[in-house]
C-alpha atoms as a PDB file:
ATOM      1  CA  MET A   1     113.950  47.222  76.494  1.00  0.00           C
ATOM      2  CA  ASN A   2     112.641  44.562  78.521  1.00  0.00           C
ATOM      3  CA  THR A   3     112.295  40.704  77.349  1.00  0.00           C
ATOM      4  CA  SER A   4     108.434  40.833  77.589  1.00  0.00           C
ATOM      5  CA  ARG A   5     108.003  44.239  75.505  1.00  0.00           C
ATOM      6  CA  ARG A   6     110.788  42.807  72.691  1.00  0.00           C
ATOM      7  CA  THR A   7     108.627  39.749  72.576  1.00  0.00           C
ATOM      8  CA  LEU A   8     105.499  41.378  71.823  1.00  0.00           C
ATOM      9  CA  LEU A   9     106.966  43.750  69.447  1.00  0.00           C
ATOM     10  CA  ALA A  10     108.224  40.731  67.813  1.00  0.00           C
ATOM     11  CA  ALA A  11     104.999  39.098  68.061  1.00  0.00           C
ATOM     12  CA  ALA A  12     103.163  42.175  66.204  1.00  0.00           C
ATOM     13  CA  ALA A  13     105.760  42.440  63.278  1.00  0.00           C
ATOM     14  CA  ALA A  14     105.150  38.569  62.798  1.00  0.00           C
ATOM     15  CA  LEU A  15     100.923  39.192  62.860  1.00  0.00           C
ATOM     16  CA  ALA A  16     101.491  42.186  60.638  1.00  0.00           C
ATOM     17  CA  ALA A  17     103.710  40.140  58.086  1.00  0.00           C
ATOM     18  CA  SER A  18     101.072  37.047  58.050  1.00  0.00           C
ATOM     19  CA  GLY A  19      98.236  39.409  56.719  1.00  0.00           C
ATOM     20  CA  SER A  20      96.191  38.651  59.215  1.00  0.00           C
ATOM     21  CA  PRO A  21      92.795  40.726  59.547  1.00  0.00           C
ATOM     22  CA  TRP A  22      93.434  41.811  62.948  1.00  0.00           C
ATOM     23  CA  ALA A  23      96.846  43.496  61.823  1.00  0.00           C
ATOM     24  CA  GLN A  24      95.229  44.976  58.674  1.00  0.00           C
ATOM     25  CA  GLY A  25      92.151  46.159  60.859  1.00  0.00           C
ATOM     26  CA  PHE A  26      89.753  44.287  58.343  1.00  0.00           C
ATOM     27  CA  PRO A  27      87.241  45.492  57.792  1.00  0.00           C
ATOM     28  CA  ALA A  28      88.613  48.911  57.392  1.00  0.00           C
ATOM     29  CA  ARG A  29      85.692  50.371  55.730  1.00  0.00           C
ATOM     30  CA  PRO A  30      82.191  49.111  54.398  1.00  0.00           C
ATOM     31  CA  VAL A  31      82.038  46.035  52.338  1.00  0.00           C
ATOM     32  CA  ARG A  32      80.569  45.832  49.047  1.00  0.00           C
ATOM     33  CA  LEU A  33      78.072  43.079  48.433  1.00  0.00           C
ATOM     34  CA  VAL A  34      77.748  42.641  44.690  1.00  0.00           C
ATOM     35  CA  VAL A  35      74.337  41.120  43.449  1.00  0.00           C
ATOM     36  CA  PRO A  36      75.008  40.331  39.945  1.00  0.00           C
ATOM     37  CA  LEU A  37      71.235  40.618  39.167  1.00  0.00           C
ATOM     38  CA  ALA A  38      68.555  43.255  38.616  1.00  0.00           C
ATOM     39  CA  PRO A  39      66.958  45.108  41.950  1.00  0.00           C
ATOM     40  CA  GLY A  40      63.677  43.583  43.495  1.00  0.00           C
ATOM     41  CA  GLY A  41      64.137  39.730  42.921  1.00  0.00           C
ATOM     42  CA  ALA A  42      64.804  36.752  45.247  1.00  0.00           C
ATOM     43  CA  THR A  43      68.608  37.195  45.231  1.00  0.00           C
ATOM     44  CA  ASP A  44      68.667  41.114  45.424  1.00  0.00           C
ATOM     45  CA  ILE A  45      65.963  41.043  48.826  1.00  0.00           C
ATOM     46  CA  ALA A  46      68.189  38.049  50.288  1.00  0.00           C
ATOM     47  CA  ALA A  47      71.365  39.911  49.906  1.00  0.00           C
ATOM     48  CA  ARG A  48      69.745  42.803  51.707  1.00  0.00           C
ATOM     49  CA  VAL A  49      68.287  40.794  54.411  1.00  0.00           C
ATOM     50  CA  LEU A  50      72.176  39.862  55.026  1.00  0.00           C
ATOM     51  CA  ALA A  51      73.444  43.236  54.471  1.00  0.00           C
ATOM     52  CA  GLU A  52      70.793  44.984  56.945  1.00  0.00           C
ATOM     53  CA  ARG A  53      71.980  42.872  59.890  1.00  0.00           C
ATOM     54  CA  ILE A  54      75.696  41.407  59.258  1.00  0.00           C
ATOM     55  CA  GLY A  55      77.185  45.032  60.468  1.00  0.00           C
ATOM     56  CA  ALA A  56      76.782  44.325  64.108  1.00  0.00           C
ATOM     57  CA  HIS A  57      78.881  41.074  64.146  1.00  0.00           C
ATOM     58  CA  LEU A  58      81.247  42.518  61.215  1.00  0.00           C
ATOM     59  CA  GLY A  59      81.997  45.895  62.761  1.00  0.00           C
ATOM     60  CA  GLN A  60      81.572  47.478  59.320  1.00  0.00           C
ATOM     61  CA  PRO A  61      77.927  48.305  57.421  1.00  0.00           C
ATOM     62  CA  MET A  62      77.833  45.972  54.123  1.00  0.00           C
ATOM     63  CA  ILE A  63      76.584  47.911  51.148  1.00  0.00           C
ATOM     64  CA  VAL A  64      74.706  46.049  48.650  1.00  0.00           C
ATOM     65  CA  GLU A  65      75.236  47.172  44.410  1.00  0.00           C
ATOM     66  CA  ASN A  66      73.310  45.589  41.993  1.00  0.00           C
ATOM     67  CA  ARG A  67      75.576  45.005  38.508  1.00  0.00           C
ATOM     68  CA  GLY A  68      73.114  42.991  36.611  1.00  0.00           C
ATOM     69  CA  GLY A  69      74.138  42.163  32.793  1.00  0.00           C
ATOM     70  CA  ALA A  70      74.666  39.044  30.716  1.00  0.00           C
ATOM     71  CA  GLY A  71      73.079  36.730  32.891  1.00  0.00           C
ATOM     72  CA  GLY A  72      74.893  37.651  35.818  1.00  0.00           C
ATOM     73  CA  THR A  73      78.325  37.341  34.283  1.00  0.00           C
ATOM     74  CA  VAL A  74      79.066  41.320  34.660  1.00  0.00           C
ATOM     75  CA  GLY A  75      78.509  41.391  38.613  1.00  0.00           C
ATOM     76  CA  SER A  76      80.513  38.268  38.538  1.00  0.00           C
ATOM     77  CA  GLN A  77      83.507  39.747  36.863  1.00  0.00           C
ATOM     78  CA  ALA A  78      83.475  42.843  38.925  1.00  0.00           C
ATOM     79  CA  VAL A  79      84.006  40.696  41.973  1.00  0.00           C
ATOM     80  CA  ALA A  80      86.609  38.495  40.173  1.00  0.00           C
ATOM     81  CA  THR A  81      88.635  40.981  39.608  1.00  0.00           C
ATOM     82  CA  ALA A  82      88.353  42.949  42.553  1.00  0.00           C
ATOM     83  CA  ALA A  83      91.244  43.473  44.868  1.00  0.00           C
ATOM     84  CA  PRO A  84      91.448  40.656  47.170  1.00  0.00           C
ATOM     85  CA  ASP A  85      91.268  42.069  50.665  1.00  0.00           C
ATOM     86  CA  GLY A  86      87.775  40.767  51.564  1.00  0.00           C
ATOM     87  CA  HIS A  87      85.956  44.019  51.267  1.00  0.00           C
ATOM     88  CA  THR A  88      84.421  43.311  47.764  1.00  0.00           C
ATOM     89  CA  LEU A  89      81.958  40.212  47.823  1.00  0.00           C
ATOM     90  CA  LEU A  90      79.640  38.093  45.028  1.00  0.00           C
ATOM     91  CA  MET A  91      76.144  37.026  46.108  1.00  0.00           C
ATOM     92  CA  GLY A  92      76.294  33.940  43.778  1.00  0.00           C
ATOM     93  CA  THR A  93      73.409  31.845  42.566  1.00  0.00           C
ATOM     94  CA  VAL A  94      73.002  28.260  41.459  1.00  0.00           C
ATOM     95  CA  GLY A  95      73.029  30.275  37.777  1.00  0.00           C
ATOM     96  CA  THR A  96      76.263  32.217  37.871  1.00  0.00           C
ATOM     97  CA  LEU A  97      78.063  29.683  39.972  1.00  0.00           C
ATOM     98  CA  ALA A  98      76.878  26.345  38.461  1.00  0.00           C
ATOM     99  CA  VAL A  99      75.101  26.864  35.208  1.00  0.00           C
ATOM    100  CA  SER A 100      77.139  29.898  33.734  1.00  0.00           C
ATOM    101  CA  PRO A 101      80.132  28.165  33.319  1.00  0.00           C
ATOM    102  CA  SER A 102      78.954  25.393  31.110  1.00  0.00           C
ATOM    103  CA  MET A 103      76.393  27.568  29.050  1.00  0.00           C
ATOM    104  CA  TYR A 104      78.459  30.730  28.179  1.00  0.00           C
ATOM    105  CA  ARG A 105      81.201  30.142  25.144  1.00  0.00           C
ATOM    106  CA  ARG A 106      83.235  32.566  26.670  1.00  0.00           C
ATOM    107  CA  LEU A 107      83.530  33.980  30.278  1.00  0.00           C
ATOM    108  CA  PRO A 108      86.056  36.671  30.854  1.00  0.00           C
ATOM    109  CA  TYR A 109      86.916  35.130  34.218  1.00  0.00           C
ATOM    110  CA  ASP A 110      87.119  31.357  35.621  1.00  0.00           C
ATOM    111  CA  SER A 111      84.677  30.913  38.534  1.00  0.00           C
ATOM    112  CA  ASP A 112      86.731  28.116  39.987  1.00  0.00           C
ATOM    113  CA  ARG A 113      90.262  30.140  39.588  1.00  0.00           C
ATOM    114  CA  ASP A 114      89.000  33.806  40.138  1.00  0.00           C
ATOM    115  CA  LEU A 115      86.705  33.134  42.933  1.00  0.00           C
ATOM    116  CA  VAL A 116      86.719  31.296  46.500  1.00  0.00           C
ATOM    117  CA  PRO A 117      83.689  30.320  48.832  1.00  0.00           C
ATOM    118  CA  VAL A 118      82.950  32.016  51.865  1.00  0.00           C
ATOM    119  CA  SER A 119      79.528  30.476  52.938  1.00  0.00           C
ATOM    120  CA  ARG A 120      76.236  29.340  51.685  1.00  0.00           C
ATOM    121  CA  VAL A 121      73.374  31.590  52.540  1.00  0.00           C
ATOM    122  CA  ALA A 122      69.829  30.311  51.674  1.00  0.00           C
ATOM    123  CA  VAL A 123      68.218  27.760  49.403  1.00  0.00           C
ATOM    124  CA  GLY A 124      64.498  27.670  47.710  1.00  0.00           C
ATOM    125  CA  ASN A 125      62.758  25.220  46.507  1.00  0.00           C
ATOM    126  CA  PHE A 126      61.197  24.707  42.934  1.00  0.00           C
ATOM    127  CA  ALA A 127      57.706  22.317  42.494  1.00  0.00           C
ATOM    128  CA  LEU A 128      56.709  19.903  40.061  1.00  0.00           C
ATOM    129  CA  VAL A 129      53.222  21.277  39.405  1.00  0.00           C
ATOM    130  CA  ALA A 130      50.514  20.253  36.902  1.00  0.00           C
ATOM    131  CA  THR A 131      47.388  21.628  35.231  1.00  0.00           C
ATOM    132  CA  PRO A 132      44.477  20.101  36.917  1.00  0.00           C
ATOM    133  CA  ALA A 133      43.136  18.419  33.673  1.00  0.00           C
ATOM    134  CA  LEU A 134      46.459  16.385  33.650  1.00  0.00           C
ATOM    135  CA  PRO A 135      45.496  13.006  34.849  1.00  0.00           C
ATOM    136  CA  ALA A 136      48.253  12.200  37.569  1.00  0.00           C
ATOM    137  CA  ALA A 137      47.919  12.862  41.243  1.00  0.00           C
ATOM    138  CA  THR A 138      51.388  11.690  41.970  1.00  0.00           C
ATOM    139  CA  VAL A 139      54.721  11.983  40.561  1.00  0.00           C
ATOM    140  CA  GLN A 140      54.667   8.190  39.443  1.00  0.00           C
ATOM    141  CA  ASP A 141      51.203   8.915  37.937  1.00  0.00           C
ATOM    142  CA  PHE A 142      52.974  11.374  35.720  1.00  0.00           C
ATOM    143  CA  LEU A 143      55.771   9.466  34.741  1.00  0.00           C
ATOM    144  CA  ARG A 144      53.481   6.567  33.786  1.00  0.00           C
ATOM    145  CA  LEU A 145      51.499   9.068  31.321  1.00  0.00           C
ATOM    146  CA  ALA A 146      54.662  10.484  30.120  1.00  0.00           C
ATOM    147  CA  ARG A 147      56.280   7.050  29.106  1.00  0.00           C
ATOM    148  CA  SER A 148      52.994   5.741  27.732  1.00  0.00           C
ATOM    149  CA  ARG A 149      52.780   8.671  25.359  1.00  0.00           C
ATOM    150  CA  PRO A 150      56.339   9.717  24.523  1.00  0.00           C
ATOM    151  CA  GLY A 151      57.219  13.385  22.989  1.00  0.00           C
ATOM    152  CA  GLU A 152      53.130  14.342  23.376  1.00  0.00           C
ATOM    153  CA  LEU A 153      53.252  16.120  26.714  1.00  0.00           C
ATOM    154  CA  ASN A 154      54.817  19.414  27.601  1.00  0.00           C
ATOM    155  CA  TYR A 155      56.323  21.657  29.959  1.00  0.00           C
ATOM    156  CA  GLY A 156      56.700  25.501  30.227  1.00  0.00           C
ATOM    157  CA  SER A 157      59.716  27.209  31.605  1.00  0.00           C
ATOM    158  CA  ALA A 158      60.918  30.640  32.166  1.00  0.00           C
ATOM    159  CA  GLY A 159      63.032  30.695  29.100  1.00  0.00           C
ATOM    160  CA  ASN A 160      65.954  28.625  27.264  1.00  0.00           C
ATOM    161  CA  GLY A 161      68.530  27.934  29.813  1.00  0.00           C
ATOM    162  CA  SER A 162      66.373  28.943  33.180  1.00  0.00           C
ATOM    163  CA  MET A 163      66.752  26.886  35.988  1.00  0.00           C
ATOM    164  CA  LEU A 164      63.121  25.942  35.205  1.00  0.00           C
ATOM    165  CA  HIS A 165      64.401  24.684  31.909  1.00  0.00           C
ATOM    166  CA  LEU A 166      67.142  23.025  33.178  1.00  0.00           C
ATOM    167  CA  GLY A 167      65.488  21.487  36.179  1.00  0.00           C
ATOM    168  CA  MET A 168      62.808  19.655  34.221  1.00  0.00           C
ATOM    169  CA  GLU A 169      65.490  18.762  31.471  1.00  0.00           C
ATOM    170  CA  LEU A 170      67.275  17.055  34.757  1.00  0.00           C
ATOM    171  CA  LEU A 171      64.139  15.162  35.435  1.00  0.00           C
ATOM    172  CA  ASN A 172      63.326  14.062  31.585  1.00  0.00           C
ATOM    173  CA  ARG A 173      67.086  12.424  31.458  1.00  0.00           C
ATOM    174  CA  ALA A 174      66.579  10.662  35.252  1.00  0.00           C
ATOM    175  CA  ALA A 175      63.417   9.288  34.245  1.00  0.00           C
ATOM    176  CA  GLY A 176      63.885   8.402  30.849  1.00  0.00           C
ATOM    177  CA  ILE A 177      60.775  10.336  29.507  1.00  0.00           C
ATOM    178  CA  GLU A 178      60.323  12.846  26.767  1.00  0.00           C
ATOM    179  CA  VAL A 179      58.388  15.896  27.433  1.00  0.00           C
ATOM    180  CA  LYS A 180      58.749  18.774  25.312  1.00  0.00           C
ATOM    181  CA  HIS A 181      59.728  22.290  26.107  1.00  0.00           C
ATOM    182  CA  ILE A 182      57.375  25.095  25.973  1.00  0.00           C
ATOM    183  CA  PRO A 183      59.553  28.452  27.045  1.00  0.00           C
ATOM    184  CA  TYR A 184      58.025  31.329  28.139  1.00  0.00           C
ATOM    185  CA  LYS A 185      59.890  34.731  29.025  1.00  0.00           C
ATOM    186  CA  SER A 186      59.447  34.672  32.731  1.00  0.00           C
ATOM    187  CA  SER A 187      58.356  32.485  35.838  1.00  0.00           C
ATOM    188  CA  GLY A 188      55.229  34.777  35.991  1.00  0.00           C
ATOM    189  CA  GLN A 189      54.433  34.016  32.532  1.00  0.00           C
ATOM    190  CA  LEU A 190      54.832  30.084  32.958  1.00  0.00           C
ATOM    191  CA  VAL A 191      52.409  29.935  36.056  1.00  0.00           C
ATOM    192  CA  THR A 192      49.722  31.960  34.192  1.00  0.00           C
ATOM    193  CA  ALA A 193      50.146  29.558  31.274  1.00  0.00           C
ATOM    194  CA  LEU A 194      49.992  26.387  33.838  1.00  0.00           C
ATOM    195  CA  ALA A 195      46.799  27.792  35.147  1.00  0.00           C
ATOM    196  CA  GLY A 196      45.356  28.294  32.133  1.00  0.00           C
ATOM    197  CA  GLY A 197      45.810  25.086  30.925  1.00  0.00           C
ATOM    198  CA  GLU A 198      48.468  25.863  27.944  1.00  0.00           C
ATOM    199  CA  VAL A 199      51.057  23.626  29.067  1.00  0.00           C
ATOM    200  CA  GLN A 200      50.901  20.949  31.059  1.00  0.00           C
ATOM    201  CA  VAL A 201      53.557  20.703  33.584  1.00  0.00           C
ATOM    202  CA  GLY A 202      56.342  23.048  35.055  1.00  0.00           C
ATOM    203  CA  LEU A 203      58.749  23.582  37.782  1.00  0.00           C
ATOM    204  CA  PRO A 204      58.354  27.214  39.112  1.00  0.00           C
ATOM    205  CA  ASP A 205      59.273  28.298  42.532  1.00  0.00           C
ATOM    206  CA  VAL A 206      56.953  27.394  45.460  1.00  0.00           C
ATOM    207  CA  PRO A 207      55.643  30.640  46.492  1.00  0.00           C
ATOM    208  CA  SER A 208      54.584  31.589  43.177  1.00  0.00           C
ATOM    209  CA  VAL A 209      52.012  28.616  42.927  1.00  0.00           C
ATOM    210  CA  LEU A 210      50.879  28.562  46.631  1.00  0.00           C
ATOM    211  CA  GLN A 211      47.872  30.415  46.239  1.00  0.00           C
ATOM    212  CA  LEU A 212      46.774  28.949  42.733  1.00  0.00           C
ATOM    213  CA  ALA A 213      47.321  25.513  44.079  1.00  0.00           C
ATOM    214  CA  ARG A 214      45.331  25.739  47.697  1.00  0.00           C
ATOM    215  CA  ALA A 215      42.870  27.406  45.285  1.00  0.00           C
ATOM    216  CA  GLY A 216      42.735  24.017  43.318  1.00  0.00           C
ATOM    217  CA  ARG A 217      43.896  25.931  39.877  1.00  0.00           C
ATOM    218  CA  LEU A 218      47.465  23.691  40.017  1.00  0.00           C
ATOM    219  CA  LYS A 219      48.404  20.263  41.031  1.00  0.00           C
ATOM    220  CA  VAL A 220      51.839  20.152  43.460  1.00  0.00           C
ATOM    221  CA  LEU A 221      52.881  16.795  42.781  1.00  0.00           C
ATOM    222  CA  ALA A 222      56.346  17.126  44.357  1.00  0.00           C
ATOM    223  CA  VAL A 223      58.986  19.549  45.581  1.00  0.00           C
ATOM    224  CA  ALA A 224      62.674  19.590  44.051  1.00  0.00           C
ATOM    225  CA  GLY A 225      64.611  20.121  47.175  1.00  0.00           C
ATOM    226  CA  SER A 226      66.601  17.681  49.305  1.00  0.00           C
ATOM    227  CA  ALA A 227      63.966  18.137  51.979  1.00  0.00           C
ATOM    228  CA  ARG A 228      60.201  18.621  51.859  1.00  0.00           C
ATOM    229  CA  ASP A 229      59.313  22.667  52.089  1.00  0.00           C
ATOM    230  CA  PRO A 230      58.093  23.843  55.229  1.00  0.00           C
ATOM    231  CA  LEU A 231      55.226  25.775  52.829  1.00  0.00           C
ATOM    232  CA  LEU A 232      54.309  22.403  51.582  1.00  0.00           C
ATOM    233  CA  PRO A 233      54.631  19.788  54.333  1.00  0.00           C
ATOM    234  CA  GLU A 234      52.305  17.288  53.031  1.00  0.00           C
ATOM    235  CA  VAL A 235      54.049  17.354  49.433  1.00  0.00           C
ATOM    236  CA  PRO A 236      56.775  14.593  49.132  1.00  0.00           C
ATOM    237  CA  THR A 237      60.036  15.436  47.277  1.00  0.00           C
ATOM    238  CA  LEU A 238      61.060  13.903  43.816  1.00  0.00           C
ATOM    239  CA  VAL A 239      63.580  11.919  45.714  1.00  0.00           C
ATOM    240  CA  GLU A 240      60.727  10.528  48.069  1.00  0.00           C
ATOM    241  CA  SER A 241      58.952   9.916  44.806  1.00  0.00           C
ATOM    242  CA  GLY A 242      61.370   7.769  43.374  1.00  0.00           C
ATOM    243  CA  LEU A 243      63.632  10.040  41.395  1.00  0.00           C
ATOM    244  CA  ALA A 244      67.143   9.751  42.998  1.00  0.00           C
ATOM    245  CA  GLY A 245      69.653  12.297  42.375  1.00  0.00           C
ATOM    246  CA  VAL A 246      66.808  15.024  41.074  1.00  0.00           C
ATOM    247  CA  GLU A 247      67.209  17.825  43.153  1.00  0.00           C
ATOM    248  CA  VAL A 248      66.854  21.097  41.968  1.00  0.00           C
ATOM    249  CA  THR A 249      67.232  24.139  44.007  1.00  0.00           C
ATOM    250  CA  SER A 250      67.623  27.852  43.990  1.00  0.00           C
ATOM    251  CA  TRP A 251      70.676  28.240  46.214  1.00  0.00           C
ATOM    252  CA  LEU A 252      72.571  31.463  47.190  1.00  0.00           C
ATOM    253  CA  GLY A 253      76.199  31.805  48.581  1.00  0.00           C
ATOM    254  CA  VAL A 254      78.741  34.252  49.111  1.00  0.00           C
ATOM    255  CA  MET A 255      82.138  34.377  47.109  1.00  0.00           C
ATOM    256  CA  ALA A 256      84.832  36.407  47.296  1.00  0.00           C
ATOM    257  CA  PRO A 257      88.114  36.958  44.802  1.00  0.00           C
ATOM    258  CA  ALA A 258      90.837  34.524  45.087  1.00  0.00           C
ATOM    259  CA  ARG A 259      93.619  35.010  47.087  1.00  0.00           C
ATOM    260  CA  THR A 260      91.541  36.739  49.626  1.00  0.00           C
ATOM    261  CA  PRO A 261      93.707  35.800  52.939  1.00  0.00           C
ATOM    262  CA  ALA A 262      92.325  32.598  54.510  1.00  0.00           C
ATOM    263  CA  ALA A 263      91.993  34.659  58.088  1.00  0.00           C
ATOM    264  CA  VAL A 264      89.259  37.219  56.037  1.00  0.00           C
ATOM    265  CA  ILE A 265      87.169  34.510  54.803  1.00  0.00           C
ATOM    266  CA  ASP A 266      87.132  32.749  58.372  1.00  0.00           C
ATOM    267  CA  GLN A 267      86.073  36.378  59.381  1.00  0.00           C
ATOM    268  CA  LEU A 268      83.608  36.946  56.901  1.00  0.00           C
ATOM    269  CA  ASN A 269      82.285  33.348  57.163  1.00  0.00           C
ATOM    270  CA  ALA A 270      81.831  33.596  61.012  1.00  0.00           C
ATOM    271  CA  ALA A 271      79.879  36.986  60.715  1.00  0.00           C
ATOM    272  CA  ILE A 272      77.863  35.334  57.975  1.00  0.00           C
ATOM    273  CA  VAL A 273      76.777  32.133  60.330  1.00  0.00           C
ATOM    274  CA  LYS A 274      76.156  34.574  63.129  1.00  0.00           C
ATOM    275  CA  THR A 275      73.916  36.694  60.940  1.00  0.00           C
ATOM    276  CA  MET A 276      71.986  33.827  59.485  1.00  0.00           C
ATOM    277  CA  GLY A 277      71.348  32.483  62.487  1.00  0.00           C
ATOM    278  CA  ASP A 278      68.933  35.225  63.574  1.00  0.00           C
ATOM    279  CA  PRO A 279      65.360  34.339  63.941  1.00  0.00           C
ATOM    280  CA  ALA A 280      64.522  37.438  62.182  1.00  0.00           C
ATOM    281  CA  VAL A 281      66.645  36.697  59.181  1.00  0.00           C
ATOM    282  CA  ALA A 282      64.991  33.260  58.849  1.00  0.00           C
ATOM    283  CA  THR A 283      61.748  34.372  59.384  1.00  0.00           C
ATOM    284  CA  ARG A 284      62.205  37.361  56.272  1.00  0.00           C
ATOM    285  CA  LEU A 285      64.062  34.743  54.169  1.00  0.00           C
ATOM    286  CA  ALA A 286      60.979  32.181  54.563  1.00  0.00           C
ATOM    287  CA  GLU A 287      58.599  34.871  53.491  1.00  0.00           C
ATOM    288  CA  LEU A 288      60.539  34.797  50.267  1.00  0.00           C
ATOM    289  CA  GLY A 289      60.387  30.814  49.985  1.00  0.00           C
ATOM    290  CA  MET A 290      63.890  30.624  51.320  1.00  0.00           C
ATOM    291  CA  ARG A 291      65.149  28.673  53.890  1.00  0.00           C
ATOM    292  CA  ALA A 292      68.910  30.171  55.768  1.00  0.00           C
ATOM    293  CA  ILE A 293      71.817  27.922  55.666  1.00  0.00           C
ATOM    294  CA  THR A 294      75.065  28.351  56.138  1.00  0.00           C
ATOM    295  CA  SER A 295      78.339  26.156  55.326  1.00  0.00           C
ATOM    296  CA  SER A 296      82.080  26.423  55.969  1.00  0.00           C
ATOM    297  CA  PRO A 297      84.174  27.633  53.135  1.00  0.00           C
ATOM    298  CA  ALA A 298      85.291  24.000  52.641  1.00  0.00           C
ATOM    299  CA  GLU A 299      81.831  22.499  52.672  1.00  0.00           C
ATOM    300  CA  PHE A 300      80.770  25.264  50.073  1.00  0.00           C
ATOM    301  CA  ARG A 301      83.799  24.301  48.062  1.00  0.00           C
ATOM    302  CA  GLU A 302      82.406  20.720  48.192  1.00  0.00           C
ATOM    303  CA  PHE A 303      78.890  21.623  47.177  1.00  0.00           C
ATOM    304  CA  LEU A 304      80.234  23.493  44.429  1.00  0.00           C
ATOM    305  CA  ALA A 305      82.038  20.412  43.333  1.00  0.00           C
ATOM    306  CA  ARG A 306      78.760  18.379  42.981  1.00  0.00           C
ATOM    307  CA  GLU A 307      76.769  20.903  41.462  1.00  0.00           C
ATOM    308  CA  ARG A 308      79.071  21.980  38.398  1.00  0.00           C
ATOM    309  CA  PRO A 309      79.309  18.479  36.736  1.00  0.00           C
ATOM    310  CA  LYS A 310      75.509  17.583  37.315  1.00  0.00           C
ATOM    311  CA  TRP A 311      74.520  20.891  35.436  1.00  0.00           C
ATOM    312  CA  ASP A 312      76.897  20.766  32.659  1.00  0.00           C
ATOM    313  CA  ALA A 313      75.664  17.599  31.866  1.00  0.00           C
ATOM    314  CA  VAL A 314      72.318  18.960  32.005  1.00  0.00           C
ATOM    315  CA  VAL A 315      73.286  22.182  29.545  1.00  0.00           C
ATOM    316  CA  LYS A 316      75.445  19.998  27.195  1.00  0.00           C
ATOM    317  CA  ALA A 317      72.652  17.464  26.780  1.00  0.00           C
ATOM    318  CA  ALA A 318      69.868  20.416  26.533  1.00  0.00           C
ATOM    319  CA  GLY A 319      72.324  21.822  23.772  1.00  0.00           C
ATOM    320  CA  VAL A 320      71.745  25.190  25.504  1.00  0.00           C
ATOM    321  CA  VAL A 321      74.349  27.818  24.589  1.00  0.00           C
ATOM    322  CA  ALA A 322      74.930  31.481  25.393  1.00  0.00           C
ATOM    323  CA  ASP A 323      77.254  34.204  23.729  1.00  0.00           C
END
């Protein structure tokens, strides 16, 4: 056997031993993306937008599987305990990755230990909204009113432990105000209550209030993301309005089981980055009120390291516990 052939065989053997996705033929079959929520919501639709187009970059189709239940913990556990080969992934959310670990007394998995980041994929904005009858045209007007009437104003949410609840509690803590919580069963009910004057303020997602705001039936005081929303470019952020550190977004990111080979993670990340960079994907997400956004696995890990303690403090202060 000549020297060059021996060299090639030795290299191939080393590559196979290394667990390289090239040697393993990753992906060897369709990749399953678990959405830990019911079909039809923004998370599910965003997952399907990604799945529809990623095959061209991944070399295998991606199949979305909805596994709802227990606030997203059922689907999250299914991925946390799956084979770490890159063929089973999780569409994680701010709720499942940053809130649930603090809110649930007992989780059957540890998201820090059992899941690893692949990439962020999308982010959506919430907005601080008031009824027209509230004598406040800006965030500072609202804060002055709340400070002059502690415990008299109220806000609505989509239920205890929802992001609409925790986001307002974050604002309460940061601004040193006391606005009382009125829980509803859904974001839709909250928006209806706001428009009807049953509650005075709330923090619903931007798309759900656009038409009512344009019709003058609601006032948008600020958006809660790190940047202004393309759907409401004239509206400042809470940070711009003087509330440093008060950022509340609905973000999504893909996670894989722990011990998935780094080379597989990198290959998945590259495919996601290419897919989310497609203008057609960005357009479809914009219709949902979301913005395509990607990151390296390390950047996503750093982001999670900031989000977890922020929401842990809010959950504890609000006394929200789930079984």
